[in-house]
Amino acid sequence: MNKIVEEIRVLLSSPQNIVITHHYNADADALGSSLALFHYLVSRGHKCSVVSPNSMPDFLQWMPAAYKVLKFDDQKNEVVKAIDKAKIIFCLDFNNFSRTKGLAPYLQKSSAKKILIDHHLNPEKTFDIGISKPSKSSTCEIIYDLINDLDDNGMIHIDIAQCLYAGAMTDTGNFRFSNTTSSVHLMVADLIKKGLNPSLVSQAIFDNYQENRLRFLGYILTDKMLLFPEYHSAIIAVSQEELNRYKINNGETEGIVNYPLSIKNIIFSAFISERDNEIRMSFRSKGDFNVNLFARNYFNGGGHLNASGGRSEESIADTIKNIKEALIDNKKILKQCYLDLQ
């Protein structure tokens, strides 16, 4: 890893044109890591553009410099120009170019040096330089480590601190998930020393929704949540019509998949949503039930031990049926993982 850091140090030793990008449907870790790195690199004299494959959810627009982010779906020409000029492209919080959707071909054909910084399992070997640390809580934590490894901890100002905290906080489920390590707590302690107010970031993310989102949450928990006690599992599925009825935008379903895990005896949760003519799935688990393997084996996806995603080309009804069949296949494993938690 020291060799990789030294390679990056050399690349950043003189001012460069740099693009920073992340996965489609950015969450707080994707956008937070991108903007934290943006602020750091600008402070070092580099010319940087943050490029997002599509528009970001409203509850993340508070992040410092979020208004400067170029959105590929709305500003394609500006994005392509920025990529064409770039000498370095930082690829954050994804490890497969397909995660950037329509942006992928432009990133792949670019002659710029491509640097992967990510914490998901099984990265593609298509990047020039790669920092892949699945043991880390978030990509934001890896960015924090990189700044430290470059001997620039003193350059972490309040804007960087807020962005880093947002990603680490959300990717650890408010520091509840098993990826909440001593290193992430040490990072947060350092950020607080630098002036971070954690409660303000928490309020900006979690207390910033419209009324319709809360009513939507009530509707799906009452009418759409299916429980399967024999598999210690739950499934929530919502259609495009239901999302439209409650005016739910991209990103506003973030975190809903975690709600069933608060039910006693439930250790696996799936959230299925229909949007833009495709079926997307989020999987979460407690204990040792590996939803990364679950997603890879059944739903063309992947991620982490306790958090992953997948996709389906079938209807919602057929997708629910397929998940039920996968639960049957994994009944013994789910039972043992449940018993291990008792």
Protein backbone atom coordinates (compact mmCIF):
# COMPACT_ATOMS: atom_id res chain seq x y z
CA MET A 1 0.00 0.00 0.00
CA ASN A 2 2.89 2.38 0.68
CA LYS A 3 3.98 1.91 -2.94
CA ILE A 4 0.52 2.93 -4.15
CA VAL A 5 0.49 6.00 -1.91
CA GLU A 6 3.90 6.98 -3.28
CA GLU A 7 2.60 6.61 -6.84
CA ILE A 8 -0.27 8.94 -6.00
CA ARG A 9 2.10 11.35 -4.24
CA VAL A 10 4.19 11.61 -7.43
CA LEU A 11 1.11 12.12 -9.62
CA LEU A 12 -0.06 14.96 -7.36
CA SER A 13 3.36 16.60 -7.03
CA SER A 14 2.48 19.21 -9.68
CA PRO A 15 -0.87 20.83 -10.61
CA GLN A 16 -3.09 18.55 -12.69
CA ASN A 17 -6.49 18.54 -14.39
CA ILE A 18 -8.44 16.00 -12.33
CA VAL A 19 -11.90 14.47 -12.54
CA ILE A 20 -13.49 12.79 -9.53
CA THR A 21 -16.46 10.52 -10.10
CA HIS A 22 -18.62 7.99 -8.25
CA HIS A 23 -21.40 5.48 -8.85
CA TYR A 24 -24.88 6.07 -10.27
CA ASN A 25 -27.43 7.23 -7.69
CA ALA A 26 -24.87 8.70 -5.34
CA ASP A 27 -25.32 8.15 -1.62
CA ALA A 28 -23.66 10.11 1.17
CA ASP A 29 -20.47 8.05 0.99
CA ALA A 30 -20.10 8.44 -2.78
CA LEU A 31 -20.78 12.19 -2.79
CA GLY A 32 -19.05 12.83 0.54
CA SER A 33 -15.83 11.11 -0.49
CA SER A 34 -15.89 12.88 -3.87
CA LEU A 35 -16.36 16.35 -2.39
CA ALA A 36 -13.88 15.75 0.43
CA LEU A 37 -11.24 14.76 -2.13
CA PHE A 38 -12.26 17.73 -4.30
CA HIS A 39 -11.70 20.22 -1.46
CA TYR A 40 -8.37 18.62 -0.58
CA LEU A 41 -7.05 18.62 -4.15
CA VAL A 42 -8.19 22.19 -4.82
CA SER A 43 -6.37 23.25 -1.65
CA ARG A 44 -3.24 21.70 -3.14
CA GLY A 45 -3.57 23.73 -6.33
CA HIS A 46 -5.14 21.20 -8.68
CA LYS A 47 -7.97 21.96 -11.11
CA CYS A 48 -10.78 19.55 -10.24
CA SER A 49 -14.25 18.65 -11.45
CA VAL A 50 -16.61 16.31 -9.63
CA VAL A 51 -18.72 14.36 -12.11
CA SER A 52 -21.85 12.46 -11.12
CA PRO A 53 -23.53 9.95 -13.46
CA ASN A 54 -26.93 11.44 -12.59
CA SER A 55 -28.61 13.99 -10.35
CA MET A 56 -28.09 13.74 -6.59
CA PRO A 57 -30.88 13.49 -4.00
CA ASP A 58 -32.06 16.69 -2.36
CA PHE A 59 -30.98 15.62 1.13
CA LEU A 60 -27.32 15.68 0.04
CA GLN A 61 -27.39 19.11 -1.61
CA TRP A 62 -26.19 20.77 1.60
CA MET A 63 -22.68 19.33 1.22
CA PRO A 64 -20.04 22.03 0.68
CA ALA A 65 -19.54 22.57 -3.10
CA ALA A 66 -22.33 20.16 -4.06
CA TYR A 67 -23.62 22.88 -6.37
CA LYS A 68 -20.42 22.57 -8.43
CA VAL A 69 -20.96 18.90 -9.27
CA LEU A 70 -21.48 18.21 -12.98
CA LYS A 71 -24.33 15.80 -13.70
CA PHE A 72 -23.88 13.60 -16.75
CA ASP A 73 -27.63 13.25 -17.36
CA ASP A 74 -28.11 17.06 -17.47
CA GLN A 75 -24.68 18.39 -18.49
CA LYS A 76 -23.28 15.77 -20.84
CA ASN A 77 -21.20 18.18 -22.94
CA GLU A 78 -19.51 19.74 -19.91
CA VAL A 79 -18.83 16.32 -18.43
CA VAL A 80 -17.27 14.98 -21.64
CA LYS A 81 -15.06 18.08 -21.92
CA ALA A 82 -13.87 17.67 -18.33
CA ILE A 83 -13.02 13.98 -18.92
CA ASP A 84 -11.20 14.80 -22.17
CA LYS A 85 -9.01 17.35 -20.37
CA ALA A 86 -8.32 15.17 -17.34
CA LYS A 87 -4.88 13.70 -16.68
CA ILE A 88 -6.14 11.83 -13.61
CA ILE A 89 -9.58 10.34 -12.89
CA PHE A 90 -10.36 9.30 -9.32
CA CYS A 91 -13.04 6.58 -9.27
CA LEU A 92 -14.67 6.54 -5.85
CA ASP A 93 -17.04 4.11 -4.13
CA PHE A 94 -17.37 1.72 -7.08
CA ASN A 95 -15.10 -0.96 -8.49
CA ASN A 96 -16.77 -1.73 -11.79
CA PHE A 97 -17.31 0.87 -14.51
CA SER A 98 -20.81 -0.48 -15.15
CA ARG A 99 -21.83 1.14 -11.83
CA THR A 100 -21.59 4.53 -13.57
CA LYS A 101 -24.14 3.56 -16.26
CA GLY A 102 -24.02 5.89 -19.31
CA LEU A 103 -20.86 7.58 -18.07
CA ALA A 104 -18.88 4.31 -18.25
CA PRO A 105 -17.79 4.41 -21.95
CA TYR A 106 -16.34 7.91 -21.56
CA LEU A 107 -14.38 6.91 -18.47
CA GLN A 108 -13.11 3.70 -20.05
CA LYS A 109 -11.85 5.29 -23.25
CA SER A 110 -10.14 8.19 -21.47
CA SER A 111 -6.35 8.17 -21.58
CA ALA A 112 -6.19 9.67 -18.08
CA LYS A 113 -4.63 7.72 -15.22
CA LYS A 114 -7.53 6.02 -13.43
CA ILE A 115 -7.26 5.64 -9.66
CA LEU A 116 -9.69 3.38 -7.81
CA ILE A 117 -10.54 4.19 -4.19
CA ASP A 118 -13.25 1.90 -2.86
CA HIS A 119 -14.34 -0.47 -0.08
CA HIS A 120 -16.42 -3.01 -2.00
CA LEU A 121 -15.42 -6.62 -2.60
CA ASN A 122 -14.06 -8.04 -5.87
CA PRO A 123 -12.76 -4.98 -7.76
CA GLU A 124 -12.26 -5.09 -11.52
CA LYS A 125 -8.64 -5.12 -12.64
CA THR A 126 -9.18 -2.28 -15.12
CA PHE A 127 -7.78 0.59 -13.07
CA ASP A 128 -4.22 1.91 -13.31
CA ILE A 129 -3.90 2.31 -9.54
CA GLY A 130 -6.16 0.74 -6.96
CA ILE A 131 -6.86 1.24 -3.28
CA SER A 132 -9.46 -1.37 -2.38
CA LYS A 133 -10.13 -1.90 1.34
CA PRO A 134 -13.31 -3.89 2.07
CA SER A 135 -12.43 -3.85 5.77
CA LYS A 136 -12.97 -0.10 5.92
CA SER A 137 -16.28 1.42 6.98
CA SER A 138 -16.61 3.63 3.93
CA THR A 139 -14.83 5.22 1.02
CA CYS A 140 -14.80 8.41 3.10
CA GLU A 141 -12.63 6.68 5.69
CA ILE A 142 -10.20 5.59 2.95
CA ILE A 143 -9.99 9.18 1.68
CA TYR A 144 -9.21 10.29 5.23
CA ASP A 145 -6.46 7.66 5.44
CA LEU A 146 -5.04 8.73 2.08
CA ILE A 147 -4.81 12.37 3.14
CA ASN A 148 -2.99 11.25 6.28
CA ASP A 149 -0.67 8.96 4.31
CA LEU A 150 0.19 11.94 2.12
CA ASP A 151 1.18 13.79 5.32
CA ASP A 152 -1.57 16.36 4.89
CA ASN A 153 -3.78 15.87 7.94
CA GLY A 154 -3.35 19.57 8.68
CA MET A 155 -5.16 20.40 5.43
CA ILE A 156 -8.41 18.81 6.60
CA HIS A 157 -10.70 21.80 7.13
CA ILE A 158 -14.35 21.92 8.19
CA ASP A 159 -15.77 21.36 4.67
CA ILE A 160 -13.70 18.21 4.26
CA ALA A 161 -14.62 17.06 7.77
CA GLN A 162 -18.36 17.42 7.12
CA CYS A 163 -18.18 15.45 3.88
CA LEU A 164 -16.10 12.66 5.43
CA TYR A 165 -18.34 12.36 8.46
CA ALA A 166 -21.49 12.18 6.32
CA GLY A 167 -20.21 9.18 4.38
CA ALA A 168 -18.86 7.30 7.39
CA MET A 169 -21.98 7.95 9.47
CA THR A 170 -24.42 6.69 6.83
CA ASP A 171 -22.37 3.70 5.66
CA THR A 172 -22.11 2.45 9.25
CA GLY A 173 -25.81 2.99 9.93
CA ASN A 174 -25.11 5.72 12.47
CA PHE A 175 -22.20 3.62 13.78
CA ARG A 176 -24.42 0.57 14.46
CA PHE A 177 -23.24 -1.86 11.77
CA SER A 178 -20.44 -4.40 12.12
CA ASN A 179 -18.14 -2.24 9.95
CA THR A 180 -17.95 0.31 12.79
CA THR A 181 -14.32 -0.18 13.81
CA SER A 182 -11.99 1.61 16.18
CA SER A 183 -10.35 3.33 13.20
CA VAL A 184 -13.58 5.04 12.13
CA HIS A 185 -14.14 6.28 15.69
CA LEU A 186 -10.60 7.64 15.76
CA MET A 187 -11.27 9.44 12.48
CA VAL A 188 -14.45 10.99 13.86
CA ALA A 189 -12.62 12.09 17.01
CA ASP A 190 -10.01 13.82 14.87
CA LEU A 191 -12.69 15.51 12.75
CA ILE A 192 -14.44 16.79 15.87
CA LYS A 193 -11.14 18.25 17.08
CA LYS A 194 -10.98 20.10 13.77
CA GLY A 195 -14.36 21.73 14.39
CA LEU A 196 -16.89 19.19 13.10
CA ASN A 197 -20.36 19.38 14.68
CA PRO A 198 -21.78 15.84 14.18
CA SER A 199 -25.34 16.80 15.09
CA LEU A 200 -25.53 19.39 12.31
CA VAL A 201 -24.50 16.82 9.69
CA SER A 202 -26.96 14.30 11.09
CA GLN A 203 -29.77 16.86 10.96
CA ALA A 204 -28.88 17.86 7.41
CA ILE A 205 -29.22 14.25 6.24
CA PHE A 206 -31.95 12.73 8.40
CA ASP A 207 -34.15 15.72 9.31
CA ASN A 208 -34.42 17.21 5.84
CA TYR A 209 -37.16 15.20 4.11
CA GLN A 210 -40.52 16.40 2.81
CA GLU A 211 -43.81 15.25 4.34
CA ASN A 212 -44.48 12.89 1.43
CA ARG A 213 -41.44 10.76 2.28
CA LEU A 214 -42.67 10.12 5.82
CA ARG A 215 -46.15 9.23 4.56
CA PHE A 216 -44.56 6.90 2.00
CA LEU A 217 -42.57 5.23 4.77
CA GLY A 218 -45.74 4.69 6.79
CA TYR A 219 -47.50 3.23 3.76
CA ILE A 220 -44.82 0.69 2.89
CA LEU A 221 -44.24 -0.45 6.48
CA THR A 222 -48.00 -0.94 6.92
CA ASP A 223 -49.02 -2.35 3.54
CA LYS A 224 -45.92 -3.49 1.67
CA MET A 225 -43.68 -5.27 4.17
CA LEU A 226 -43.76 -9.07 3.89
CA LEU A 227 -42.41 -11.10 6.80
CA PHE A 228 -41.11 -14.67 6.54
CA PRO A 229 -40.45 -15.77 10.14
CA GLU A 230 -39.40 -19.26 9.05
CA TYR A 231 -36.49 -17.66 7.16
CA HIS A 232 -35.92 -14.80 9.63
CA SER A 233 -36.42 -12.52 6.63
CA ALA A 234 -38.47 -9.62 5.29
CA ILE A 235 -39.17 -8.19 1.84
CA ILE A 236 -40.46 -4.74 0.88
CA ALA A 237 -41.35 -4.11 -2.77
CA VAL A 238 -42.62 -0.88 -4.34
CA SER A 239 -43.66 -0.16 -7.92
CA GLN A 240 -42.94 2.85 -10.11
CA GLU A 241 -46.60 3.84 -9.71
CA GLU A 242 -46.27 3.87 -5.92
CA LEU A 243 -43.06 5.92 -6.07
CA ASN A 244 -44.79 8.38 -8.39
CA ARG A 245 -47.92 8.52 -6.21
CA TYR A 246 -45.87 9.67 -3.23
CA LYS A 247 -43.49 11.75 -5.38
CA ILE A 248 -40.42 9.85 -4.19
CA ASN A 249 -37.25 10.98 -5.94
CA ASN A 250 -33.97 9.15 -6.49
CA GLY A 251 -32.18 8.63 -3.19
CA GLU A 252 -35.25 9.08 -1.00
CA THR A 253 -35.64 5.33 -0.47
CA GLU A 254 -32.11 5.21 1.01
CA GLY A 255 -32.09 3.38 4.34
CA ILE A 256 -35.61 1.95 4.13
CA VAL A 257 -34.18 -1.54 3.68
CA ASN A 258 -32.83 -1.36 7.25
CA TYR A 259 -36.22 -0.94 8.96
CA PRO A 260 -37.24 -4.63 9.00
CA LEU A 261 -33.95 -5.51 10.73
CA SER A 262 -35.27 -3.73 13.83
CA ILE A 263 -37.86 -6.51 14.18
CA LYS A 264 -36.93 -9.23 16.62
CA ASN A 265 -35.80 -12.45 14.91
CA ILE A 266 -35.35 -10.82 11.47
CA ILE A 267 -31.76 -11.00 10.19
CA PHE A 268 -32.25 -10.49 6.43
CA SER A 269 -34.08 -7.70 4.62
CA ALA A 270 -34.65 -7.03 0.92
CA PHE A 271 -35.97 -3.81 -0.60
CA ILE A 272 -37.18 -3.96 -4.20
CA SER A 273 -38.00 -0.87 -6.24
CA GLU A 274 -39.10 -0.33 -9.80
CA ARG A 275 -37.66 2.75 -11.46
CA ASP A 276 -36.66 3.73 -15.00
CA ASN A 277 -37.80 0.38 -16.42
CA GLU A 278 -35.58 -1.72 -14.19
CA ILE A 279 -35.89 -3.56 -10.90
CA ARG A 280 -33.30 -2.64 -8.27
CA MET A 281 -32.72 -4.49 -5.04
CA SER A 282 -30.98 -3.69 -1.78
CA PHE A 283 -30.08 -6.41 0.70
CA ARG A 284 -29.10 -6.03 4.35
CA SER A 285 -28.32 -8.57 7.04
CA LYS A 286 -27.23 -9.01 10.62
CA GLY A 287 -24.54 -11.39 11.82
CA ASP A 288 -22.79 -13.69 9.39
CA PHE A 289 -25.41 -14.03 6.66
CA ASN A 290 -23.43 -12.97 3.58
CA VAL A 291 -25.61 -10.80 1.37
CA ASN A 292 -22.66 -10.13 -0.94
CA LEU A 293 -22.70 -13.81 -1.94
CA PHE A 294 -26.50 -13.83 -1.94
CA ALA A 295 -26.59 -10.95 -4.42
CA ARG A 296 -23.83 -12.42 -6.59
CA ASN A 297 -25.31 -15.91 -6.69
CA TYR A 298 -28.89 -14.94 -7.45
CA PHE A 299 -29.23 -11.34 -8.64
CA ASN A 300 -26.20 -10.16 -10.66
CA GLY A 301 -25.04 -7.96 -7.81
CA GLY A 302 -22.65 -7.75 -4.90
CA GLY A 303 -21.31 -5.47 -2.21
CA HIS A 304 -20.37 -6.21 1.39
CA LEU A 305 -20.96 -8.96 3.94
CA ASN A 306 -24.00 -7.20 5.45
CA ALA A 307 -24.96 -4.76 2.67
CA SER A 308 -25.30 -5.39 -1.05
CA GLY A 309 -27.41 -4.73 -4.11
CA GLY A 310 -28.71 -6.52 -7.16
CA ARG A 311 -30.92 -6.13 -10.19
CA SER A 312 -33.58 -8.06 -12.04
CA GLU A 313 -35.02 -7.94 -15.55
CA GLU A 314 -38.25 -9.59 -14.45
CA SER A 315 -41.43 -8.12 -12.96
CA ILE A 316 -41.72 -7.19 -9.31
CA ALA A 317 -43.95 -10.21 -8.70
CA ASP A 318 -41.46 -12.58 -10.32
CA THR A 319 -38.57 -10.92 -8.48
CA ILE A 320 -40.31 -11.46 -5.14
CA LYS A 321 -40.89 -15.09 -6.16
CA ASN A 322 -37.19 -15.46 -7.01
CA ILE A 323 -36.14 -14.02 -3.64
CA LYS A 324 -38.49 -16.44 -1.86
CA GLU A 325 -36.90 -19.33 -3.75
CA ALA A 326 -33.44 -18.04 -2.81
CA LEU A 327 -34.54 -17.89 0.83
CA ILE A 328 -35.63 -21.52 0.63
CA ASP A 329 -32.18 -22.40 -0.73
CA ASN A 330 -30.58 -20.58 2.19
CA LYS A 331 -32.97 -21.66 4.94
CA LYS A 332 -30.39 -23.68 6.88
CA ILE A 333 -27.78 -20.92 6.64
CA LEU A 334 -30.27 -18.27 7.74
CA LYS A 335 -31.33 -20.43 10.67
CA GLN A 336 -27.74 -20.99 11.80
CA CYS A 337 -26.84 -17.30 11.43
CA TYR A 338 -29.88 -16.43 13.52
CA LEU A 339 -28.92 -18.93 16.23
CA ASP A 340 -25.36 -17.59 16.26
CA LEU A 341 -26.73 -14.19 17.25
CA GLN A 342 -28.70 -15.53 20.23
